[in-house]
Amino acid sequence: MPAATSRTVDLLTGAFDLTVRRRFDVKKDDGTVVLSLYFTPITRADRKRASGLAGTDEALDISTQMLCQKAELEDGSKAFAPADAVKLQRELPESVLNDRELFLFGLGQTETLETAKND
């Protein structure tokens, strides 16, 4: 009996581990770590959900919703609720959000946030 062949979609999706997390240390200007956030890879479904939660096509709103959706604490619990996006945008310096969102989207420090959102 010939060996069962896997479907292409199963080979492709099985090749990636969506449970691997990357850590980002949130630091104050003096270098003191405030907390660590953990992120699993972004999927297209995550992006669509964030876009729906943002309720707009505005890239800044979508990226902050993505941050709220994907950020976890060390124990795996969600760091933010979707409703926290407004407070984060209103009460944090933009550079603080930019750093986290660039990390979330897997972009180096040489990339700009606008470049990331246009990808």
N, C-alpha and C. Protein backbone atom coordinates (compact mmCIF):
# COMPACT_ATOMS: atom_id res chain seq x y z
N MET A 1 0.85 -1.18 0.00
CA MET A 1 0.00 0.00 0.00
C MET A 1 0.89 1.24 0.00
N PRO A 2 0.65 2.19 -0.89
CA PRO A 2 1.49 3.38 -0.95
C PRO A 2 1.31 4.24 0.30
N ALA A 3 2.37 4.95 0.63
CA ALA A 3 2.31 5.85 1.79
C ALA A 3 1.33 6.98 1.51
N ALA A 4 0.63 7.36 2.53
CA ALA A 4 -0.32 8.46 2.39
C ALA A 4 0.44 9.75 2.09
N THR A 5 -0.07 10.49 1.14
CA THR A 5 0.58 11.77 0.83
C THR A 5 -0.20 12.88 1.51
N SER A 6 0.53 13.82 2.02
CA SER A 6 -0.08 14.96 2.68
C SER A 6 -0.50 15.98 1.65
N ARG A 7 -1.57 16.67 1.97
CA ARG A 7 -2.00 17.76 1.11
C ARG A 7 -1.02 18.92 1.26
N THR A 8 -0.88 19.69 0.22
CA THR A 8 0.04 20.82 0.22
C THR A 8 -0.27 21.78 1.36
N VAL A 9 -1.55 22.06 1.57
CA VAL A 9 -1.93 22.98 2.63
C VAL A 9 -1.50 22.44 3.99
N ASP A 10 -1.60 21.13 4.20
CA ASP A 10 -1.20 20.54 5.47
C ASP A 10 0.31 20.58 5.65
N LEU A 11 1.06 20.36 4.59
CA LEU A 11 2.52 20.46 4.66
C LEU A 11 2.94 21.88 5.01
N LEU A 12 2.31 22.83 4.36
CA LEU A 12 2.67 24.24 4.57
C LEU A 12 2.31 24.69 5.98
N THR A 13 1.08 24.46 6.42
CA THR A 13 0.67 24.93 7.73
C THR A 13 1.35 24.16 8.85
N GLY A 14 1.72 22.93 8.60
CA GLY A 14 2.42 22.13 9.61
C GLY A 14 3.87 22.53 9.80
N ALA A 15 4.40 23.33 8.88
CA ALA A 15 5.81 23.71 8.93
C ALA A 15 6.08 24.88 9.88
N PHE A 16 5.03 25.52 10.38
CA PHE A 16 5.21 26.70 11.20
C PHE A 16 4.54 26.52 12.56
N ASP A 17 5.25 26.91 13.60
CA ASP A 17 4.75 26.78 14.97
C ASP A 17 4.23 28.14 15.43
N LEU A 18 2.92 28.25 15.55
CA LEU A 18 2.30 29.51 15.94
C LEU A 18 2.29 29.72 17.45
N THR A 19 2.89 28.80 18.19
CA THR A 19 2.93 28.95 19.65
C THR A 19 4.24 29.56 20.14
N VAL A 20 5.22 29.69 19.27
CA VAL A 20 6.51 30.28 19.65
C VAL A 20 6.30 31.76 19.94
N ARG A 21 6.78 32.20 21.10
CA ARG A 21 6.59 33.59 21.50
C ARG A 21 7.93 34.32 21.51
N ARG A 22 7.86 35.61 21.15
CA ARG A 22 9.02 36.50 21.26
C ARG A 22 8.74 37.47 22.39
N ARG A 23 9.79 37.83 23.13
CA ARG A 23 9.64 38.73 24.28
C ARG A 23 10.12 40.13 23.93
N PHE A 24 9.36 41.11 24.40
CA PHE A 24 9.74 42.50 24.25
C PHE A 24 9.70 43.14 25.63
N ASP A 25 10.84 43.67 26.07
CA ASP A 25 10.90 44.36 27.35
C ASP A 25 10.54 45.82 27.16
N VAL A 26 9.48 46.25 27.83
CA VAL A 26 9.06 47.65 27.80
C VAL A 26 9.91 48.39 28.82
N LYS A 27 10.65 49.40 28.35
CA LYS A 27 11.58 50.12 29.22
C LYS A 27 11.24 51.61 29.27
N LYS A 28 11.48 52.17 30.44
CA LYS A 28 11.38 53.63 30.58
C LYS A 28 12.62 54.25 29.94
N ASP A 29 12.61 55.56 29.83
CA ASP A 29 13.73 56.27 29.20
C ASP A 29 15.07 55.98 29.88
N ASP A 30 15.07 55.70 31.19
CA ASP A 30 16.31 55.43 31.90
C ASP A 30 16.77 53.97 31.78
N GLY A 31 16.04 53.16 31.00
CA GLY A 31 16.41 51.77 30.79
C GLY A 31 15.78 50.78 31.76
N THR A 32 15.05 51.27 32.74
CA THR A 32 14.39 50.40 33.69
C THR A 32 13.26 49.64 32.99
N VAL A 33 13.24 48.31 33.17
CA VAL A 33 12.20 47.49 32.56
C VAL A 33 10.90 47.66 33.34
N VAL A 34 9.85 48.07 32.65
CA VAL A 34 8.53 48.25 33.26
C VAL A 34 7.81 46.91 33.30
N LEU A 35 7.84 46.21 32.17
CA LEU A 35 7.25 44.88 32.07
C LEU A 35 7.70 44.24 30.78
N SER A 36 7.49 42.93 30.68
CA SER A 36 7.80 42.20 29.46
C SER A 36 6.51 41.76 28.81
N LEU A 37 6.44 41.94 27.50
CA LEU A 37 5.31 41.48 26.72
C LEU A 37 5.78 40.37 25.79
N TYR A 38 4.89 39.45 25.50
CA TYR A 38 5.22 38.29 24.66
C TYR A 38 4.25 38.25 23.49
N PHE A 39 4.77 37.86 22.33
CA PHE A 39 3.97 37.87 21.11
C PHE A 39 4.17 36.58 20.32
N THR A 40 3.06 35.98 19.90
CA THR A 40 3.11 34.86 18.97
C THR A 40 3.04 35.45 17.56
N PRO A 41 3.37 34.66 16.54
CA PRO A 41 3.32 35.18 15.16
C PRO A 41 1.92 35.67 14.78
N ILE A 42 1.89 36.67 13.95
CA ILE A 42 0.63 37.22 13.45
C ILE A 42 0.16 36.37 12.26
N THR A 43 -1.11 36.04 12.26
CA THR A 43 -1.71 35.35 11.12
C THR A 43 -2.59 36.33 10.36
N ARG A 44 -3.00 35.95 9.18
CA ARG A 44 -3.91 36.79 8.41
C ARG A 44 -5.24 36.92 9.15
N ALA A 45 -5.67 35.86 9.83
CA ALA A 45 -6.90 35.93 10.62
C ALA A 45 -6.78 36.96 11.74
N ASP A 46 -5.59 37.04 12.38
CA ASP A 46 -5.36 38.06 13.41
C ASP A 46 -5.51 39.45 12.83
N ARG A 47 -4.95 39.64 11.66
CA ARG A 47 -4.98 40.96 11.01
C ARG A 47 -6.43 41.36 10.68
N LYS A 48 -7.21 40.41 10.17
CA LYS A 48 -8.60 40.68 9.84
C LYS A 48 -9.42 40.99 11.10
N ARG A 49 -9.15 40.26 12.18
CA ARG A 49 -9.87 40.50 13.42
C ARG A 49 -9.54 41.90 13.96
N ALA A 50 -8.26 42.25 13.95
CA ALA A 50 -7.85 43.58 14.44
C ALA A 50 -8.50 44.68 13.60
N SER A 51 -8.57 44.47 12.31
CA SER A 51 -9.19 45.45 11.42
C SER A 51 -10.68 45.60 11.76
N GLY A 52 -11.35 44.49 12.03
CA GLY A 52 -12.75 44.55 12.41
C GLY A 52 -12.97 45.23 13.74
N LEU A 53 -12.10 44.94 14.71
CA LEU A 53 -12.22 45.57 16.03
C LEU A 53 -11.95 47.06 15.97
N ALA A 54 -11.04 47.47 15.08
CA ALA A 54 -10.72 48.89 14.95
C ALA A 54 -11.90 49.65 14.35
N GLY A 55 -12.67 48.98 13.51
CA GLY A 55 -13.83 49.62 12.91
C GLY A 55 -13.49 50.71 11.91
N THR A 56 -12.29 50.68 11.40
CA THR A 56 -11.83 51.70 10.46
C THR A 56 -10.70 51.11 9.61
N ASP A 57 -10.36 51.79 8.52
CA ASP A 57 -9.22 51.40 7.70
C ASP A 57 -7.95 52.14 8.12
N GLU A 58 -8.05 52.96 9.17
CA GLU A 58 -6.90 53.75 9.65
C GLU A 58 -5.82 52.80 10.18
N ALA A 59 -4.65 52.85 9.58
CA ALA A 59 -3.56 51.93 9.92
C ALA A 59 -3.12 52.04 11.38
N LEU A 60 -3.11 53.24 11.93
CA LEU A 60 -2.69 53.40 13.32
C LEU A 60 -3.66 52.73 14.28
N ASP A 61 -4.95 52.82 14.00
CA ASP A 61 -5.95 52.18 14.84
C ASP A 61 -5.86 50.65 14.74
N ILE A 62 -5.66 50.16 13.52
CA ILE A 62 -5.55 48.72 13.32
C ILE A 62 -4.31 48.17 14.01
N SER A 63 -3.18 48.85 13.90
CA SER A 63 -1.95 48.33 14.52
C SER A 63 -2.05 48.35 16.04
N THR A 64 -2.72 49.33 16.62
CA THR A 64 -2.88 49.35 18.07
C THR A 64 -3.85 48.25 18.50
N GLN A 65 -4.88 47.99 17.71
CA GLN A 65 -5.76 46.86 18.01
C GLN A 65 -4.99 45.54 17.93
N MET A 66 -4.10 45.43 16.96
CA MET A 66 -3.28 44.21 16.83
C MET A 66 -2.41 44.04 18.07
N LEU A 67 -1.84 45.13 18.55
CA LEU A 67 -1.03 45.08 19.76
C LEU A 67 -1.87 44.57 20.93
N CYS A 68 -3.07 45.12 21.09
CA CYS A 68 -3.95 44.68 22.18
C CYS A 68 -4.34 43.22 22.03
N GLN A 69 -4.54 42.79 20.82
CA GLN A 69 -4.95 41.42 20.54
C GLN A 69 -3.83 40.42 20.80
N LYS A 70 -2.61 40.76 20.45
CA LYS A 70 -1.51 39.78 20.47
C LYS A 70 -0.64 39.82 21.73
N ALA A 71 -0.57 40.94 22.42
CA ALA A 71 0.33 41.06 23.57
C ALA A 71 -0.13 40.16 24.71
N GLU A 72 0.82 39.39 25.24
CA GLU A 72 0.56 38.49 26.37
C GLU A 72 1.56 38.78 27.48
N LEU A 73 1.16 38.43 28.68
CA LEU A 73 2.07 38.45 29.82
C LEU A 73 2.81 37.12 29.86
N GLU A 74 3.80 37.01 30.73
CA GLU A 74 4.62 35.81 30.77
C GLU A 74 3.79 34.54 30.96
N ASP A 75 2.73 34.62 31.76
CA ASP A 75 1.91 33.44 32.03
C ASP A 75 0.96 33.08 30.89
N GLY A 76 0.98 33.84 29.81
CA GLY A 76 0.13 33.57 28.65
C GLY A 76 -1.20 34.30 28.66
N SER A 77 -1.50 35.01 29.73
CA SER A 77 -2.75 35.77 29.77
C SER A 77 -2.62 37.02 28.91
N LYS A 78 -3.76 37.51 28.43
CA LYS A 78 -3.77 38.71 27.59
C LYS A 78 -3.32 39.91 28.40
N ALA A 79 -2.44 40.72 27.81
CA ALA A 79 -1.95 41.92 28.49
C ALA A 79 -2.97 43.06 28.40
N PHE A 80 -3.76 43.08 27.33
CA PHE A 80 -4.69 44.17 27.10
C PHE A 80 -6.04 43.64 26.64
N ALA A 81 -7.06 44.44 26.88
CA ALA A 81 -8.39 44.20 26.32
C ALA A 81 -8.51 45.05 25.05
N PRO A 82 -9.37 44.68 24.11
CA PRO A 82 -9.52 45.50 22.90
C PRO A 82 -9.85 46.96 23.22
N ALA A 83 -10.61 47.20 24.28
CA ALA A 83 -10.98 48.58 24.64
C ALA A 83 -9.79 49.40 25.12
N ASP A 84 -8.67 48.75 25.47
CA ASP A 84 -7.48 49.46 25.94
C ASP A 84 -6.78 50.25 24.83
N ALA A 85 -7.11 49.95 23.57
CA ALA A 85 -6.44 50.62 22.45
C ALA A 85 -6.57 52.13 22.52
N VAL A 86 -7.74 52.61 22.85
CA VAL A 86 -7.97 54.06 22.91
C VAL A 86 -7.10 54.69 23.99
N LYS A 87 -7.04 54.08 25.16
CA LYS A 87 -6.23 54.63 26.25
C LYS A 87 -4.74 54.60 25.89
N LEU A 88 -4.29 53.51 25.27
CA LEU A 88 -2.89 53.42 24.85
C LEU A 88 -2.56 54.55 23.87
N GLN A 89 -3.44 54.78 22.92
CA GLN A 89 -3.19 55.84 21.93
C GLN A 89 -3.23 57.23 22.55
N ARG A 90 -4.08 57.40 23.52
CA ARG A 90 -4.27 58.73 24.12
C ARG A 90 -3.22 59.04 25.18
N GLU A 91 -2.73 58.03 25.92
CA GLU A 91 -1.92 58.31 27.11
C GLU A 91 -0.48 57.82 27.05
N LEU A 92 -0.04 57.33 25.91
CA LEU A 92 1.37 56.96 25.74
C LEU A 92 2.00 57.79 24.63
N PRO A 93 3.27 58.11 24.77
CA PRO A 93 3.94 58.78 23.65
C PRO A 93 3.91 57.87 22.42
N GLU A 94 3.75 58.47 21.26
CA GLU A 94 3.68 57.67 20.03
C GLU A 94 4.91 56.79 19.85
N SER A 95 6.07 57.28 20.24
CA SER A 95 7.29 56.48 20.08
C SER A 95 7.22 55.16 20.87
N VAL A 96 6.53 55.18 22.01
CA VAL A 96 6.39 53.97 22.82
C VAL A 96 5.55 52.94 22.07
N LEU A 97 4.43 53.38 21.52
CA LEU A 97 3.60 52.47 20.73
C LEU A 97 4.32 52.02 19.47
N ASN A 98 5.02 52.92 18.82
CA ASN A 98 5.74 52.57 17.59
C ASN A 98 6.74 51.44 17.84
N ASP A 99 7.51 51.54 18.92
CA ASP A 99 8.51 50.51 19.23
C ASP A 99 7.87 49.14 19.40
N ARG A 100 6.76 49.08 20.13
CA ARG A 100 6.09 47.81 20.38
C ARG A 100 5.47 47.26 19.12
N GLU A 101 4.86 48.14 18.33
CA GLU A 101 4.20 47.69 17.12
C GLU A 101 5.21 47.24 16.07
N LEU A 102 6.33 47.92 15.96
CA LEU A 102 7.37 47.47 15.02
C LEU A 102 7.87 46.08 15.42
N PHE A 103 8.08 45.88 16.71
CA PHE A 103 8.51 44.56 17.20
C PHE A 103 7.43 43.52 16.89
N LEU A 104 6.19 43.85 17.17
CA LEU A 104 5.08 42.95 16.93
C LEU A 104 5.05 42.50 15.48
N PHE A 105 5.24 43.44 14.56
CA PHE A 105 5.20 43.12 13.14
C PHE A 105 6.53 42.57 12.62
N GLY A 106 7.50 42.38 13.52
CA GLY A 106 8.76 41.74 13.14
C GLY A 106 9.66 42.61 12.30
N LEU A 107 9.60 43.91 12.50
CA LEU A 107 10.41 44.83 11.70
C LEU A 107 11.55 45.38 12.52
N GLY A 108 12.66 45.61 11.83
CA GLY A 108 13.84 46.16 12.50
C GLY A 108 13.68 47.63 12.81
N GLN A 109 14.58 48.14 13.60
CA GLN A 109 14.51 49.54 14.01
C GLN A 109 14.72 50.50 12.85
N THR A 110 15.25 50.02 11.72
CA THR A 110 15.47 50.91 10.58
C THR A 110 14.20 51.14 9.78
N GLU A 111 13.18 50.30 10.01
CA GLU A 111 11.90 50.45 9.33
C GLU A 111 11.10 51.54 10.03
N THR A 112 10.22 52.18 9.31
CA THR A 112 9.32 53.13 9.93
C THR A 112 7.97 52.47 10.13
N LEU A 113 7.18 52.98 11.04
CA LEU A 113 5.87 52.42 11.29
C LEU A 113 4.98 52.53 10.06
N GLU A 114 5.08 53.63 9.34
CA GLU A 114 4.26 53.78 8.13
C GLU A 114 4.64 52.75 7.08
N THR A 115 5.93 52.43 6.95
CA THR A 115 6.35 51.40 6.02
C THR A 115 5.76 50.07 6.42
N ALA A 116 5.78 49.77 7.71
CA ALA A 116 5.23 48.51 8.21
C ALA A 116 3.75 48.38 7.91
N LYS A 117 3.03 49.46 8.07
CA LYS A 117 1.57 49.42 7.88
C LYS A 117 1.21 49.32 6.42
N ASN A 118 2.11 49.69 5.53
CA ASN A 118 1.83 49.61 4.10
C ASN A 118 2.19 48.25 3.53
N ASP A 119 2.84 47.40 4.30
CA ASP A 119 3.20 46.06 3.82
C ASP A 119 2.00 45.15 3.80
